[in-house]
Amino acid sequence: MDQRRNRKRTAGFTLLELLVAVAIVIVLAGISFQVFTNMVQSTNLTRATQKIKDLGQAFVDYTSDHGGRLPLENADMPDISADQEDWAVAASEQAEEAWYNVLPERMGYRSVAQLGEENAPQAFYASSYPTFLGGAPYFKSEKKLKRPYFAIGMNSRLQRRSLDGYKDPGTLASIQQPVNTVIFLERGLPKDEEHSKAQRKFNGAPKANPRAFATRHNQKGVLLFVDGHTEVRRVPELIKASGEIIVPEDQAPGTSVVWTRDPDDDPNEEPGAE
């Protein structure tokens, strides 16, 4: 009799044993998911860093061939906001020297203007295109085809529109601290997650100030500096909780980030700011 009871007891699992087994499976699945997520984020960060570096090299090459003049941050059309730049605006005369037209061409790709003229907006969202970033939450629907949504933006504080409407493109030589001055940054798309209440204007425009900085890699994002090096930063290192851009004198030694050609200019004060 006792032997039969022992056989029945060992023939299956108790409820407690099943619960423990399920808990172990859940924990292992969670660990595996986190490991996979970390791998994907690491890959996206590596690729984003390289793409932004490639744009930076094209940026410097362009200035070398144009007397040091910088490419435009967007179409020079005061009445059109940066987030209204559709394919027609990108193909306009005012956007001929915009970075998103001149830099891809130097890299052997069709410009955004050409993609619009050829009615080939899908190519803009191909993983091989120089402005496309894996991990950026582009629209899944055809909404993304209505205009180019940029996951990389040119620093909008390099070119300041004066009160009379003139925007000086500036020159590479006018950037006084190349090692500290940002030229490109990952910028927010409409579906990007905001990690600070100070972040705003996640509209996919071709230019961006620090408030539009996107932090897709474990709450970090990539900055490219004029001298060609990149840094991975968090939002609180660039803007205060109020949304005010942090100026160099308020930053710790060795971590200075400059947004204007002259580091003494206040990036929070700009006539006609986006």
Protein backbone atom coordinates (compact mmCIF):
# COMPACT_ATOMS: atom_id res chain seq x y z
CA MET A 1 0.00 0.00 0.00
CA ASP A 2 2.76 2.46 0.97
CA GLN A 3 4.61 1.63 -2.23
CA ARG A 4 1.54 2.52 -4.32
CA ARG A 5 1.23 5.86 -2.51
CA ASN A 6 4.91 6.63 -3.18
CA ARG A 7 4.47 5.79 -6.85
CA LYS A 8 1.47 8.14 -7.10
CA ARG A 9 3.33 10.90 -5.28
CA THR A 10 6.31 10.74 -7.67
CA ALA A 11 4.21 10.32 -10.81
CA GLY A 12 3.56 14.06 -11.23
CA PHE A 13 4.40 17.56 -9.94
CA THR A 14 2.83 19.23 -6.97
CA LEU A 15 1.17 22.66 -7.41
CA LEU A 16 4.09 24.30 -5.62
CA GLU A 17 6.59 22.64 -7.93
CA LEU A 18 4.62 23.80 -10.98
CA LEU A 19 4.49 27.38 -9.66
CA VAL A 20 8.25 27.37 -9.07
CA ALA A 21 8.87 26.04 -12.58
CA VAL A 22 6.62 28.71 -14.11
CA ALA A 23 8.36 31.41 -12.08
CA ILE A 24 11.77 30.22 -13.30
CA VAL A 25 10.59 30.24 -16.91
CA ILE A 26 9.23 33.79 -16.52
CA VAL A 27 12.49 35.01 -14.97
CA LEU A 28 14.57 33.38 -17.70
CA ALA A 29 12.29 34.84 -20.39
CA GLY A 30 12.65 38.28 -18.82
CA ILE A 31 16.42 37.97 -18.72
CA SER A 32 16.51 36.76 -22.33
CA PHE A 33 14.28 39.63 -23.45
CA GLN A 34 16.45 42.18 -21.67
CA VAL A 35 19.62 40.69 -23.15
CA PHE A 36 18.04 40.80 -26.61
CA THR A 37 16.85 44.38 -26.09
CA ASN A 38 20.32 45.44 -24.95
CA MET A 39 21.87 43.80 -28.01
CA VAL A 40 19.45 45.59 -30.34
CA GLN A 41 20.07 48.94 -28.63
CA SER A 42 23.83 48.41 -28.78
CA THR A 43 23.64 47.60 -32.50
CA ASN A 44 21.42 50.62 -33.19
CA LEU A 45 23.78 52.87 -31.23
CA THR A 46 26.82 51.61 -33.15
CA ARG A 47 25.11 52.13 -36.50
CA ALA A 48 23.73 55.55 -35.55
CA THR A 49 27.18 56.66 -34.44
CA GLN A 50 28.75 55.56 -37.72
CA LYS A 51 26.06 57.18 -39.87
CA ILE A 52 26.36 60.48 -38.04
CA LYS A 53 30.15 60.32 -38.36
CA ASP A 54 29.81 59.75 -42.11
CA LEU A 55 27.55 62.80 -42.39
CA GLY A 56 30.13 64.77 -40.43
CA GLN A 57 32.87 63.83 -42.86
CA ALA A 58 30.69 64.88 -45.78
CA PHE A 59 29.95 68.12 -43.91
CA VAL A 60 33.65 68.96 -43.60
CA ASP A 61 34.30 67.98 -47.24
CA TYR A 62 31.48 70.27 -48.36
CA THR A 63 32.90 73.25 -46.45
CA SER A 64 36.33 72.60 -47.95
CA ASP A 65 34.88 72.89 -51.46
CA HIS A 66 32.78 75.98 -50.68
CA GLY A 67 35.27 78.38 -49.14
CA GLY A 68 34.53 77.17 -45.65
CA ARG A 69 30.80 77.98 -45.90
CA LEU A 70 28.47 75.70 -43.97
CA PRO A 71 25.54 73.96 -45.66
CA LEU A 72 22.13 75.29 -44.67
CA GLU A 73 20.28 73.66 -41.79
CA ASN A 74 17.06 73.66 -43.85
CA ALA A 75 15.38 75.50 -46.70
CA ASP A 76 15.94 79.25 -46.44
CA MET A 77 12.23 80.11 -46.41
CA PRO A 78 11.29 82.27 -43.40
CA ASP A 79 7.55 81.68 -43.92
CA ILE A 80 7.91 77.88 -43.84
CA SER A 81 8.62 76.22 -40.51
CA ALA A 82 11.13 73.38 -40.45
CA ASP A 83 8.45 70.78 -39.76
CA GLN A 84 6.59 71.84 -42.93
CA GLU A 85 9.43 70.92 -45.24
CA ASP A 86 7.81 68.44 -47.58
CA TRP A 87 9.25 66.97 -50.76
CA ALA A 88 8.34 70.09 -52.77
CA VAL A 89 10.12 72.40 -50.32
CA ALA A 90 13.16 70.10 -50.30
CA ALA A 91 13.29 70.35 -54.10
CA SER A 92 12.95 74.14 -54.13
CA GLU A 93 15.70 76.57 -55.07
CA GLN A 94 15.87 77.75 -51.44
CA ALA A 95 16.86 74.25 -50.33
CA GLU A 96 19.59 73.62 -52.89
CA GLU A 97 22.30 74.11 -50.25
CA ALA A 98 20.42 72.42 -47.41
CA TRP A 99 22.49 69.73 -45.71
CA TYR A 100 19.98 67.00 -46.54
CA ASN A 101 20.52 67.69 -50.24
CA VAL A 102 24.23 68.43 -50.53
CA LEU A 103 25.62 65.86 -48.07
CA PRO A 104 23.91 62.69 -49.35
CA GLU A 105 25.04 63.60 -52.88
CA ARG A 106 28.64 63.84 -51.70
CA MET A 107 28.23 60.39 -50.16
CA GLY A 108 27.01 58.85 -53.44
CA TYR A 109 23.27 58.88 -52.67
CA ARG A 110 20.36 60.73 -54.18
CA SER A 111 19.51 63.94 -52.39
CA VAL A 112 16.18 64.37 -50.64
CA ALA A 113 15.22 66.76 -53.46
CA GLN A 114 15.93 64.07 -56.05
CA LEU A 115 13.90 61.50 -54.13
CA GLY A 116 10.95 63.88 -54.17
CA GLU A 117 11.33 64.74 -57.85
CA GLU A 118 11.55 61.06 -58.75
CA ASN A 119 8.52 60.25 -56.57
CA ALA A 120 10.65 57.77 -54.63
CA PRO A 121 10.04 58.70 -50.97
CA GLN A 122 10.34 55.05 -49.91
CA ALA A 123 14.08 55.25 -50.62
CA PHE A 124 14.42 57.87 -47.90
CA TYR A 125 13.30 55.25 -45.37
CA ALA A 126 15.60 52.51 -46.63
CA SER A 127 18.11 51.32 -44.02
CA SER A 128 20.97 52.11 -46.40
CA TYR A 129 20.05 55.80 -46.74
CA PRO A 130 22.52 58.04 -44.83
CA THR A 131 19.87 59.74 -42.68
CA PHE A 132 17.96 56.58 -41.72
CA LEU A 133 18.52 55.31 -38.18
CA GLY A 134 17.55 51.85 -37.02
CA GLY A 135 15.50 52.01 -33.85
CA ALA A 136 13.96 55.38 -34.73
CA PRO A 137 10.14 55.09 -34.62
CA TYR A 138 9.22 56.14 -38.14
CA PHE A 139 5.54 56.00 -39.04
CA LYS A 140 4.43 52.56 -40.23
CA SER A 141 1.68 53.98 -42.42
CA GLU A 142 1.92 56.01 -45.61
CA LYS A 143 1.91 59.14 -43.46
CA LYS A 144 5.71 58.99 -43.47
CA LEU A 145 5.69 59.35 -47.25
CA LYS A 146 4.01 62.78 -47.15
CA ARG A 147 7.27 64.42 -46.14
CA PRO A 148 10.74 63.35 -45.04
CA TYR A 149 10.91 62.73 -41.29
CA PHE A 150 14.46 63.16 -40.04
CA ALA A 151 15.88 61.14 -37.14
CA ILE A 152 19.08 63.23 -37.43
CA GLY A 153 19.05 67.00 -37.27
CA MET A 154 21.60 69.73 -37.87
CA ASN A 155 22.26 71.91 -34.84
CA SER A 156 19.86 74.83 -35.29
CA ARG A 157 21.96 77.17 -33.15
CA LEU A 158 24.79 77.36 -35.68
CA GLN A 159 22.79 79.54 -38.06
CA ARG A 160 20.84 82.36 -36.46
CA ARG A 161 18.27 84.37 -38.33
CA SER A 162 18.57 88.09 -37.63
CA LEU A 163 15.60 90.33 -36.86
CA ASP A 164 15.49 91.44 -40.51
CA GLY A 165 15.08 87.81 -41.60
CA TYR A 166 18.60 87.14 -42.89
CA LYS A 167 20.18 83.84 -41.93
CA ASP A 168 23.97 83.81 -42.08
CA PRO A 169 25.13 80.29 -42.99
CA GLY A 170 28.49 80.91 -41.33
CA THR A 171 31.82 79.29 -42.01
CA LEU A 172 33.76 76.45 -40.47
CA ALA A 173 36.43 78.94 -39.36
CA SER A 174 33.79 80.96 -37.48
CA ILE A 175 33.20 78.02 -35.12
CA GLN A 176 35.55 78.95 -32.30
CA GLN A 177 35.60 75.67 -30.36
CA PRO A 178 35.34 72.80 -32.88
CA VAL A 179 36.06 70.12 -30.28
CA ASN A 180 33.07 71.22 -28.18
CA THR A 181 30.58 72.44 -30.79
CA VAL A 182 27.76 70.18 -32.02
CA ILE A 183 26.90 69.95 -35.72
CA PHE A 184 24.52 66.97 -35.77
CA LEU A 185 22.40 65.24 -33.15
CA GLU A 186 19.81 62.52 -32.99
CA ARG A 187 16.50 64.35 -33.10
CA GLY A 188 13.03 63.33 -32.02
CA LEU A 189 10.32 61.93 -34.26
CA PRO A 190 6.61 62.26 -33.38
CA LYS A 191 6.49 58.73 -31.95
CA ASP A 192 9.77 58.94 -30.01
CA GLU A 193 9.56 58.54 -26.25
CA GLU A 194 10.36 61.67 -24.28
CA HIS A 195 12.47 61.06 -21.17
CA SER A 196 12.14 64.57 -19.79
CA LYS A 197 9.34 67.11 -19.60
CA ALA A 198 11.83 69.59 -21.02
CA GLN A 199 12.03 67.75 -24.34
CA ARG A 200 9.81 69.11 -27.11
CA LYS A 201 9.35 69.62 -30.85
CA PHE A 202 9.72 65.94 -31.71
CA ASN A 203 8.53 66.69 -35.22
CA GLY A 204 11.20 65.12 -37.45
CA ALA A 205 12.38 68.46 -38.86
CA PRO A 206 15.83 68.58 -40.52
CA LYS A 207 17.21 70.87 -37.80
CA ALA A 208 17.09 70.51 -34.03
CA ASN A 209 18.03 72.32 -30.86
CA PRO A 210 18.94 70.42 -27.66
CA ARG A 211 15.30 70.28 -26.55
CA ALA A 212 14.54 68.04 -29.52
CA PHE A 213 17.42 65.69 -28.66
CA ALA A 214 16.23 62.06 -28.95
CA THR A 215 17.55 59.50 -26.46
CA ARG A 216 16.74 56.13 -28.02
CA HIS A 217 19.62 54.10 -26.59
CA ASN A 218 18.83 53.41 -22.96
CA GLN A 219 17.89 57.09 -22.53
CA LYS A 220 21.01 58.26 -24.34
CA GLY A 221 21.59 59.78 -27.76
CA VAL A 222 24.46 60.61 -30.11
CA LEU A 223 26.01 64.03 -30.66
CA LEU A 224 28.53 64.77 -33.43
CA PHE A 225 31.06 67.54 -32.92
CA VAL A 226 32.80 69.69 -35.52
CA ASP A 227 36.16 67.97 -35.02
CA GLY A 228 34.54 64.65 -36.01
CA HIS A 229 34.22 62.90 -32.67
CA THR A 230 30.93 61.67 -31.23
CA GLU A 231 29.63 61.52 -27.68
CA VAL A 232 26.70 59.68 -26.13
CA ARG A 233 24.81 61.97 -23.76
CA ARG A 234 21.67 62.11 -21.60
CA VAL A 235 19.07 64.87 -21.65
CA PRO A 236 19.95 66.38 -18.22
CA GLU A 237 23.49 67.00 -19.48
CA LEU A 238 22.17 69.33 -22.19
CA ILE A 239 19.01 71.01 -20.91
CA LYS A 240 17.60 71.94 -17.54
CA ALA A 241 14.23 70.72 -16.27
CA SER A 242 12.85 74.12 -17.29
CA GLY A 243 13.91 73.51 -20.90
CA GLU A 244 16.71 76.06 -20.78
CA ILE A 245 19.80 74.99 -22.74
CA ILE A 246 22.79 74.53 -20.43
CA VAL A 247 25.61 76.92 -21.34
CA PRO A 248 29.32 76.02 -21.02
CA GLU A 249 29.93 77.95 -17.79
CA ASP A 250 27.28 75.83 -16.07
CA GLN A 251 28.85 72.53 -17.15
CA ALA A 252 31.46 70.46 -15.36
CA PRO A 253 35.07 70.80 -16.62
CA GLY A 254 35.79 68.45 -19.51
CA THR A 255 32.10 67.97 -20.37
CA SER A 256 31.43 71.26 -22.14
CA VAL A 257 28.95 71.20 -25.02
CA VAL A 258 28.70 74.32 -27.18
CA TRP A 259 25.74 75.00 -29.49
CA THR A 260 26.70 78.35 -31.04
CA ARG A 261 29.62 79.34 -33.26
CA ASP A 262 30.76 81.74 -30.56
CA PRO A 263 30.65 79.97 -27.18
CA ASP A 264 29.87 83.31 -25.50
CA ASP A 265 26.58 83.57 -27.39
CA ASP A 266 23.59 82.35 -25.42
CA PRO A 267 21.85 79.49 -27.28
CA ASN A 268 18.65 80.36 -25.42
CA GLU A 269 18.41 83.72 -27.18
CA GLU A 270 17.72 83.61 -30.88
CA PRO A 271 15.49 85.83 -33.01
CA GLY A 272 13.23 83.60 -35.07
CA ALA A 273 14.12 80.43 -33.12
CA GLU A 274 12.34 77.26 -34.11
